[in-house]
Amino acid sequence: MNAGTRSGGRTLWVAVRAMLMFTVVLGIGYTLLITGIGQLAFPAQANGSALVSKGGDVVGSSLLGQSFTDEEGNPLPEYFQSRPSAAGDGYDGTASSGTNQGPENEDLVAAIAERKAQIAEFNGVDESAVPADAVTSSSSGLDPHISPAYAQIQIARVADARGISEDEVAAAVEAATSAPNLGYLGESVVNVAELNLALDESAG
């Protein structure tokens, strides 16, 4: 075996050892380290911010919106309703999407008018009280939040459907409301899934 062949063999062996070492260190060790840190320091976020009922069942994620409707798609009066969703058939995590329709799109204008009338009738309020987020979808179609204004017009209806006081429902809304980030970035929002779960849990 000549010197060139031996040198090539050593180079190949060094390359193979380096590949194996970096595979173990970066592919396995680093992954285990980051996973461990996530589970210890941020367990809720690392596990998908799951919403878990008292019975131990995962009923959703605080990061993803969901619909609260019956099998025919009609809104359930005992639940706070989310904003519209253009993701698949509604809040489909595999089809995150907005409508891509502009403010002058005739279909969008008609849909907004129809939704506003339906929401006003469903909640027993005037159409002027229906906020914008109640009739328009988010850019992702998966936003779990609604505005406090939209939550407010639903309080009386939810309280009546559940047979509890409006004060109880208003307190649940307050508990599910998040302030703007750092106190000034964005606006206050209400997490609908967390709110509905809290109402279900309080009912026993």
C-alpha atoms as a PDB file:
ATOM      1  CA  MET A   1       0.000   0.000   0.000  1.00  0.00           C
ATOM      2  CA  ASN A   2       1.554   3.314  -1.034  1.00  0.00           C
ATOM      3  CA  ALA A   3       1.657   6.496   1.062  1.00  0.00           C
ATOM      4  CA  GLY A   4      -1.155   8.139  -0.916  1.00  0.00           C
ATOM      5  CA  THR A   5      -3.528   5.272  -0.256  1.00  0.00           C
ATOM      6  CA  ARG A   6      -2.690   5.226   3.476  1.00  0.00           C
ATOM      7  CA  SER A   7      -3.160   8.984   3.706  1.00  0.00           C
ATOM      8  CA  GLY A   8      -6.538   8.763   1.941  1.00  0.00           C
ATOM      9  CA  GLY A   9      -7.637   5.997   4.286  1.00  0.00           C
ATOM     10  CA  ARG A  10      -6.688   8.020   7.356  1.00  0.00           C
ATOM     11  CA  THR A  11      -8.515  11.069   6.000  1.00  0.00           C
ATOM     12  CA  LEU A  12     -11.639   9.004   5.384  1.00  0.00           C
ATOM     13  CA  TRP A  13     -11.513   7.515   8.882  1.00  0.00           C
ATOM     14  CA  VAL A  14     -11.084  10.982  10.444  1.00  0.00           C
ATOM     15  CA  ALA A  15     -14.095  12.224   8.452  1.00  0.00           C
ATOM     16  CA  VAL A  16     -16.232   9.255   9.535  1.00  0.00           C
ATOM     17  CA  ARG A  17     -15.294   9.739  13.198  1.00  0.00           C
ATOM     18  CA  ALA A  18     -16.051  13.460  12.999  1.00  0.00           C
ATOM     19  CA  MET A  19     -19.424  12.743  11.423  1.00  0.00           C
ATOM     20  CA  LEU A  20     -20.287  10.197  14.122  1.00  0.00           C
ATOM     21  CA  MET A  21     -19.167  12.536  16.907  1.00  0.00           C
ATOM     22  CA  PHE A  22     -21.160  15.509  15.609  1.00  0.00           C
ATOM     23  CA  THR A  23     -24.187  13.280  15.025  1.00  0.00           C
ATOM     24  CA  VAL A  24     -24.110  12.189  18.670  1.00  0.00           C
ATOM     25  CA  VAL A  25     -23.302  15.626  20.085  1.00  0.00           C
ATOM     26  CA  LEU A  26     -25.546  17.790  17.884  1.00  0.00           C
ATOM     27  CA  GLY A  27     -28.159  15.341  16.626  1.00  0.00           C
ATOM     28  CA  ILE A  28     -28.817  13.551  19.910  1.00  0.00           C
ATOM     29  CA  GLY A  29     -27.156  15.395  22.794  1.00  0.00           C
ATOM     30  CA  TYR A  30     -28.259  18.893  21.780  1.00  0.00           C
ATOM     31  CA  THR A  31     -31.801  17.696  21.104  1.00  0.00           C
ATOM     32  CA  LEU A  32     -32.040  16.009  24.507  1.00  0.00           C
ATOM     33  CA  LEU A  33     -30.575  19.084  26.224  1.00  0.00           C
ATOM     34  CA  ILE A  34     -33.033  21.531  24.643  1.00  0.00           C
ATOM     35  CA  THR A  35     -35.955  19.154  25.219  1.00  0.00           C
ATOM     36  CA  GLY A  36     -34.970  18.795  28.872  1.00  0.00           C
ATOM     37  CA  ILE A  37     -34.666  22.558  29.358  1.00  0.00           C
ATOM     38  CA  GLY A  38     -38.064  23.027  27.700  1.00  0.00           C
ATOM     39  CA  GLN A  39     -39.742  20.431  29.906  1.00  0.00           C
ATOM     40  CA  LEU A  40     -38.186  21.832  33.103  1.00  0.00           C
ATOM     41  CA  ALA A  41     -38.431  25.568  32.465  1.00  0.00           C
ATOM     42  CA  PHE A  42     -41.398  25.864  30.092  1.00  0.00           C
ATOM     43  CA  PRO A  43     -43.445  22.637  30.335  1.00  0.00           C
ATOM     44  CA  ALA A  44     -46.744  24.164  29.153  1.00  0.00           C
ATOM     45  CA  GLN A  45     -45.236  25.789  26.085  1.00  0.00           C
ATOM     46  CA  ALA A  46     -43.073  22.772  25.259  1.00  0.00           C
ATOM     47  CA  ASN A  47     -46.158  20.544  25.250  1.00  0.00           C
ATOM     48  CA  GLY A  48     -48.225  22.740  22.954  1.00  0.00           C
ATOM     49  CA  SER A  49     -49.880  24.949  25.583  1.00  0.00           C
ATOM     50  CA  ALA A  50     -52.514  22.246  26.001  1.00  0.00           C
ATOM     51  CA  LEU A  51     -55.789  23.012  27.743  1.00  0.00           C
ATOM     52  CA  VAL A  52     -56.540  20.150  30.115  1.00  0.00           C
ATOM     53  CA  SER A  53     -59.889  19.598  31.806  1.00  0.00           C
ATOM     54  CA  LYS A  54     -60.249  18.597  35.452  1.00  0.00           C
ATOM     55  CA  GLY A  55     -60.778  15.069  34.207  1.00  0.00           C
ATOM     56  CA  GLY A  56     -57.329  15.090  32.608  1.00  0.00           C
ATOM     57  CA  ASP A  57     -58.561  15.279  29.008  1.00  0.00           C
ATOM     58  CA  VAL A  58     -56.812  17.579  26.543  1.00  0.00           C
ATOM     59  CA  VAL A  59     -59.594  19.757  25.102  1.00  0.00           C
ATOM     60  CA  GLY A  60     -57.532  22.085  22.937  1.00  0.00           C
ATOM     61  CA  SER A  61     -54.632  24.509  22.967  1.00  0.00           C
ATOM     62  CA  SER A  62     -54.564  28.038  24.303  1.00  0.00           C
ATOM     63  CA  LEU A  63     -52.695  28.993  21.124  1.00  0.00           C
ATOM     64  CA  LEU A  64     -55.302  27.721  18.658  1.00  0.00           C
ATOM     65  CA  GLY A  65     -58.870  28.847  18.247  1.00  0.00           C
ATOM     66  CA  GLN A  66     -61.748  26.442  17.804  1.00  0.00           C
ATOM     67  CA  SER A  67     -65.402  26.522  16.887  1.00  0.00           C
ATOM     68  CA  PHE A  68     -68.178  26.102  19.444  1.00  0.00           C
ATOM     69  CA  THR A  69     -71.003  24.911  17.249  1.00  0.00           C
ATOM     70  CA  ASP A  70     -73.344  21.953  16.922  1.00  0.00           C
ATOM     71  CA  GLU A  71     -73.091  19.253  14.249  1.00  0.00           C
ATOM     72  CA  GLU A  72     -74.888  21.488  11.761  1.00  0.00           C
ATOM     73  CA  GLY A  73     -72.545  24.396  12.365  1.00  0.00           C
ATOM     74  CA  ASN A  74     -74.965  26.461  14.442  1.00  0.00           C
ATOM     75  CA  PRO A  75     -73.407  28.424  17.321  1.00  0.00           C
ATOM     76  CA  LEU A  76     -74.058  26.979  20.761  1.00  0.00           C
ATOM     77  CA  PRO A  77     -75.673  29.667  22.960  1.00  0.00           C
ATOM     78  CA  GLU A  78     -73.992  28.501  26.173  1.00  0.00           C
ATOM     79  CA  TYR A  79     -70.538  29.144  24.736  1.00  0.00           C
ATOM     80  CA  PHE A  80     -68.677  32.294  23.807  1.00  0.00           C
ATOM     81  CA  GLN A  81     -68.183  32.312  20.080  1.00  0.00           C
ATOM     82  CA  SER A  82     -64.853  32.769  18.325  1.00  0.00           C
ATOM     83  CA  ARG A  83     -64.273  35.087  15.398  1.00  0.00           C
ATOM     84  CA  PRO A  84     -64.831  33.703  11.858  1.00  0.00           C
ATOM     85  CA  SER A  85     -62.116  31.456  10.425  1.00  0.00           C
ATOM     86  CA  ALA A  86     -61.045  30.961   6.821  1.00  0.00           C
ATOM     87  CA  ALA A  87     -58.775  28.022   7.696  1.00  0.00           C
ATOM     88  CA  GLY A  88     -60.287  25.011   5.930  1.00  0.00           C
ATOM     89  CA  ASP A  89     -63.761  24.364   7.312  1.00  0.00           C
ATOM     90  CA  GLY A  90     -62.900  26.636  10.226  1.00  0.00           C
ATOM     91  CA  TYR A  91     -59.959  26.532  12.625  1.00  0.00           C
ATOM     92  CA  ASP A  92     -58.274  23.734  10.674  1.00  0.00           C
ATOM     93  CA  GLY A  93     -54.672  23.641  11.890  1.00  0.00           C
ATOM     94  CA  THR A  94     -53.559  21.947   8.673  1.00  0.00           C
ATOM     95  CA  ALA A  95     -54.958  24.733   6.488  1.00  0.00           C
ATOM     96  CA  SER A  96     -53.996  27.991   8.197  1.00  0.00           C
ATOM     97  CA  SER A  97     -55.139  30.806   5.942  1.00  0.00           C
ATOM     98  CA  GLY A  98     -56.905  34.133   5.677  1.00  0.00           C
ATOM     99  CA  THR A  99     -59.460  35.047   3.023  1.00  0.00           C
ATOM    100  CA  ASN A 100     -57.050  37.318   1.110  1.00  0.00           C
ATOM    101  CA  GLN A 101     -60.070  39.489   0.323  1.00  0.00           C
ATOM    102  CA  GLY A 102     -59.695  43.249   0.393  1.00  0.00           C
ATOM    103  CA  PRO A 103     -62.104  45.764   1.976  1.00  0.00           C
ATOM    104  CA  GLU A 104     -63.737  46.467  -1.391  1.00  0.00           C
ATOM    105  CA  ASN A 105     -64.316  42.825  -2.276  1.00  0.00           C
ATOM    106  CA  GLU A 106     -68.057  42.409  -2.842  1.00  0.00           C
ATOM    107  CA  ASP A 107     -68.148  38.897  -1.373  1.00  0.00           C
ATOM    108  CA  LEU A 108     -66.383  40.068   1.783  1.00  0.00           C
ATOM    109  CA  VAL A 109     -68.640  43.108   2.160  1.00  0.00           C
ATOM    110  CA  ALA A 110     -71.721  40.894   1.791  1.00  0.00           C
ATOM    111  CA  ALA A 111     -70.368  38.300   4.229  1.00  0.00           C
ATOM    112  CA  ILE A 112     -69.627  40.968   6.835  1.00  0.00           C
ATOM    113  CA  ALA A 113     -73.134  42.427   6.538  1.00  0.00           C
ATOM    114  CA  GLU A 114     -74.687  38.967   6.901  1.00  0.00           C
ATOM    115  CA  ARG A 115     -72.505  38.040   9.879  1.00  0.00           C
ATOM    116  CA  LYS A 116     -73.218  41.349  11.608  1.00  0.00           C
ATOM    117  CA  ALA A 117     -76.962  40.824  11.329  1.00  0.00           C
ATOM    118  CA  GLN A 118     -76.719  37.213  12.572  1.00  0.00           C
ATOM    119  CA  ILE A 119     -74.461  38.069  15.509  1.00  0.00           C
ATOM    120  CA  ALA A 120     -76.649  41.009  16.550  1.00  0.00           C
ATOM    121  CA  GLU A 121     -79.768  38.809  16.521  1.00  0.00           C
ATOM    122  CA  PHE A 122     -78.035  35.890  18.271  1.00  0.00           C
ATOM    123  CA  ASN A 123     -76.807  38.117  21.100  1.00  0.00           C
ATOM    124  CA  GLY A 124     -79.819  40.424  21.285  1.00  0.00           C
ATOM    125  CA  VAL A 125     -77.867  43.611  20.560  1.00  0.00           C
ATOM    126  CA  ASP A 126     -77.951  46.334  17.951  1.00  0.00           C
ATOM    127  CA  GLU A 127     -75.784  45.848  14.872  1.00  0.00           C
ATOM    128  CA  SER A 128     -73.816  48.948  15.825  1.00  0.00           C
ATOM    129  CA  ALA A 129     -72.576  47.092  18.925  1.00  0.00           C
ATOM    130  CA  VAL A 130     -70.973  44.272  16.897  1.00  0.00           C
ATOM    131  CA  PRO A 131     -67.193  44.866  16.761  1.00  0.00           C
ATOM    132  CA  ALA A 132     -65.024  44.276  13.695  1.00  0.00           C
ATOM    133  CA  ASP A 133     -63.335  41.104  14.959  1.00  0.00           C
ATOM    134  CA  ALA A 134     -66.741  39.432  15.320  1.00  0.00           C
ATOM    135  CA  VAL A 135     -67.299  39.568  11.562  1.00  0.00           C
ATOM    136  CA  THR A 136     -63.774  39.240  10.121  1.00  0.00           C
ATOM    137  CA  SER A 137     -61.283  36.389  10.275  1.00  0.00           C
ATOM    138  CA  SER A 138     -57.658  36.710  11.352  1.00  0.00           C
ATOM    139  CA  SER A 139     -54.820  36.355   8.834  1.00  0.00           C
ATOM    140  CA  SER A 140     -54.028  32.847  10.116  1.00  0.00           C
ATOM    141  CA  GLY A 141     -57.606  31.711  10.646  1.00  0.00           C
ATOM    142  CA  LEU A 142     -56.434  30.192  13.934  1.00  0.00           C
ATOM    143  CA  ASP A 143     -56.479  33.166  16.320  1.00  0.00           C
ATOM    144  CA  PRO A 144     -57.822  31.970  19.708  1.00  0.00           C
ATOM    145  CA  HIS A 145     -58.671  35.488  20.878  1.00  0.00           C
ATOM    146  CA  ILE A 146     -61.539  37.920  20.574  1.00  0.00           C
ATOM    147  CA  SER A 147     -61.730  41.527  21.690  1.00  0.00           C
ATOM    148  CA  PRO A 148     -63.197  42.422  25.094  1.00  0.00           C
ATOM    149  CA  ALA A 149     -65.918  44.283  23.152  1.00  0.00           C
ATOM    150  CA  TYR A 150     -66.997  41.080  21.401  1.00  0.00           C
ATOM    151  CA  ALA A 151     -66.932  39.193  24.706  1.00  0.00           C
ATOM    152  CA  GLN A 152     -69.074  41.856  26.366  1.00  0.00           C
ATOM    153  CA  ILE A 153     -71.975  41.527  23.926  1.00  0.00           C
ATOM    154  CA  GLN A 154     -72.043  37.760  24.547  1.00  0.00           C
ATOM    155  CA  ILE A 155     -72.186  37.835  28.357  1.00  0.00           C
ATOM    156  CA  ALA A 156     -75.971  38.132  28.713  1.00  0.00           C
ATOM    157  CA  ARG A 157     -76.651  35.357  26.210  1.00  0.00           C
ATOM    158  CA  VAL A 158     -74.159  32.930  27.799  1.00  0.00           C
ATOM    159  CA  ALA A 159     -75.445  33.687  31.310  1.00  0.00           C
ATOM    160  CA  ASP A 160     -79.036  33.074  30.245  1.00  0.00           C
ATOM    161  CA  ALA A 161     -78.164  29.807  28.446  1.00  0.00           C
ATOM    162  CA  ARG A 162     -76.218  28.508  31.450  1.00  0.00           C
ATOM    163  CA  GLY A 163     -78.682  29.717  34.059  1.00  0.00           C
ATOM    164  CA  ILE A 164     -76.081  31.722  35.986  1.00  0.00           C
ATOM    165  CA  SER A 165     -75.670  35.411  36.747  1.00  0.00           C
ATOM    166  CA  GLU A 166     -74.118  37.871  34.348  1.00  0.00           C
ATOM    167  CA  ASP A 167     -71.683  38.847  37.106  1.00  0.00           C
ATOM    168  CA  GLU A 168     -70.326  35.281  37.200  1.00  0.00           C
ATOM    169  CA  VAL A 169     -69.831  35.253  33.442  1.00  0.00           C
ATOM    170  CA  ALA A 170     -68.277  38.733  33.478  1.00  0.00           C
ATOM    171  CA  ALA A 171     -65.792  37.565  36.136  1.00  0.00           C
ATOM    172  CA  ALA A 172     -64.833  34.605  33.937  1.00  0.00           C
ATOM    173  CA  VAL A 173     -64.324  36.963  31.004  1.00  0.00           C
ATOM    174  CA  GLU A 174     -62.083  39.163  33.139  1.00  0.00           C
ATOM    175  CA  ALA A 175     -60.000  36.147  34.191  1.00  0.00           C
ATOM    176  CA  ALA A 176     -59.534  35.077  30.556  1.00  0.00           C
ATOM    177  CA  THR A 177     -58.522  38.570  29.427  1.00  0.00           C
ATOM    178  CA  SER A 178     -54.862  39.287  28.733  1.00  0.00           C
ATOM    179  CA  ALA A 179     -53.484  42.827  28.870  1.00  0.00           C
ATOM    180  CA  PRO A 180     -51.332  44.226  26.036  1.00  0.00           C
ATOM    181  CA  ASN A 181     -47.778  42.894  25.948  1.00  0.00           C
ATOM    182  CA  LEU A 182     -45.534  44.970  28.216  1.00  0.00           C
ATOM    183  CA  GLY A 183     -48.612  46.993  29.022  1.00  0.00           C
ATOM    184  CA  TYR A 184     -48.724  48.879  25.740  1.00  0.00           C
ATOM    185  CA  LEU A 185     -48.007  46.593  22.758  1.00  0.00           C
ATOM    186  CA  GLY A 186     -51.208  45.504  21.039  1.00  0.00           C
ATOM    187  CA  GLU A 187     -54.612  45.412  22.710  1.00  0.00           C
ATOM    188  CA  SER A 188     -56.320  43.454  25.455  1.00  0.00           C
ATOM    189  CA  VAL A 189     -57.691  40.121  24.222  1.00  0.00           C
ATOM    190  CA  VAL A 190     -59.910  37.340  25.552  1.00  0.00           C
ATOM    191  CA  ASN A 191     -58.941  33.694  25.014  1.00  0.00           C
ATOM    192  CA  VAL A 192     -62.202  32.014  23.993  1.00  0.00           C
ATOM    193  CA  ALA A 193     -61.139  28.406  24.554  1.00  0.00           C
ATOM    194  CA  GLU A 194     -59.795  29.157  28.040  1.00  0.00           C
ATOM    195  CA  LEU A 195     -62.945  31.118  28.875  1.00  0.00           C
ATOM    196  CA  ASN A 196     -65.322  28.375  27.758  1.00  0.00           C
ATOM    197  CA  LEU A 197     -63.321  25.706  29.575  1.00  0.00           C
ATOM    198  CA  ALA A 198     -63.400  27.777  32.767  1.00  0.00           C
ATOM    199  CA  LEU A 199     -67.184  28.127  32.500  1.00  0.00           C
ATOM    200  CA  ASP A 200     -67.593  24.393  31.957  1.00  0.00           C
ATOM    201  CA  GLU A 201     -65.332  23.601  34.901  1.00  0.00           C
ATOM    202  CA  SER A 202     -67.167  26.010  37.212  1.00  0.00           C
ATOM    203  CA  ALA A 203     -70.424  24.299  36.317  1.00  0.00           C
ATOM    204  CA  GLY A 204     -69.058  21.090  37.736  1.00  0.00           C
END
